[in-house]
């Protein structure tokens, strides 16, 4: 029995050394306590001497616990031998060091690059582009905490088994699914043997379908496994992608029923400047011919960006902080609005839509959709069981979106959209003094807009009788004053006839009210920047502008 007690004492001494505690005379207290308890059990007698020894044991236990707790506060508790995390330095010995090492590993993952080789083609990328992250970081810290919590005896009991059965945790690397799919799409686009989906295009008023063919594409599952392995290795890795025979995901048979108009809408921009007209033509072309399989989404911003001169856009009027300013791509929101209106009539899902900061003139109130960087976008998702096709064209200063698909709605059912103005706030005038100009000088810097609160209702009728009225959106448009620059210099005699420069200019015409824009390349990147403008849908909308 004493031999066993001695082994336990020795093991405890080793644990104390690993845990960072000093080994002194206290270690022997365990043996003394155990011997006294054994003697008491064997003799089964209670004497004054035994009672005294029992008291001594309790005092020793109390003292040991106090000392253990004190040392635990003074010295950070160490991770026991036998516990490790793959990919981390062997020098990680404490909870603090473990947390820091995991953060460092995440940083290394974000910075690490790799090359995917597909049939000899090299695709360079980085793990940050795939949205790689350590998903089980909290679990690792929690598991390590099991061995560093409690008093020394408790930790020894939990850690003793690690000597024979070590625990090694592998960081669980997860990727962003959308980023991963985009990467494999890019990889397969460089693979000459990849399967090719069937395509559809509307040409000269008719649909043309190109059939699919099968091929050999990157095997996603095995390649993802290799990517996860490469993350925990040092150096820049070249990963050989495994390819497998795969069928095309879009077949000609899937597309043959795209022949019905589900929804269409047209807006006019005849009073726009030539620059704005160019922007609408350029952006509309980028939106044309999009096939959406069930569940897929089209983003106006993603299709039309970047809003740069190099990408074909020109400077045109836009909203910024209640002012009309020049911005590259002005007019993009008329495209977004036209798509929005067509999607409403097709009754497909509007995943994202935001109204302009101020009123526009080419649709009724609450019928608009803004484009501004990645914080204002129009996104439409195919929530049907069959494919849809988005057609976008310009003709005679009209922009038209038509959504095609397979019509399955009753012919007795019709829908319409009704705009309701709740209240309006008239615009006023604001003057900005300019001491460099003489008294009497006045120039209009920008046109203002009346404020408005409005709603859009979807009205469904069957056989001409209204059966439902659903609120689509409630929107608020800010009021902005007309801004005038006026001179304040009085060092010269005031002119008999005060010169007035461009009292009605500095912005768009009444029938060409500006709207939203604000991609990163379109000027200041703040949340008040919107872009879009166009002719009046209703002459009363722009009254007083």
Foldseek 3Di string as FASTA:
>chain_A
DLVVQVVVLVLLCVLCVLFPHDDDPLSCLSSLLVVLVVVCVVVVDDDPVNVVVVVVNVVSVVVVQVVQVVVCVVDATWQDPLEEEFLFDPPRTGLVSLLVRQVVLQVLQLPAKAWEAEVNDTDIDGSVLQVKDQPCSVVSSVVSVCLRDDTSVSNCVVCVCSVVPGDYHYGDIDGDPVSLVVSQVVVVVPPPFAWAAKFWAQDPNRIDIRFTFWGKGFDSPVQVVVVSVVSSDDDHYYHYTDIDTDYHPHGPVQVPQFDAWLFKFKWFFVQFDPQLLQLLQLLLVLVFWDKAAAFDKDKSDVSRDDQDVVSRHDWDWWDDPQFTDTWRSFASFVVLLRVQRRCVSSVFDWPFFDFFQADAAGDDPPSTGWAAAVPGITMTGGNDNGMKTWHWHDDPRMIMITITGHDDDDPQKHKDKDKFWPDKADAAEDEDEDQVDDALEKEWQGAKHIKTWMWMWMFMDGNRHTDDIHTDDIDIHDTHHGYMYGYDHDPDDDDPHRDYDHRPDNHGPLQWHWTFYHHPRTDDHDPNGTHRTRGHNDSVRSPPD
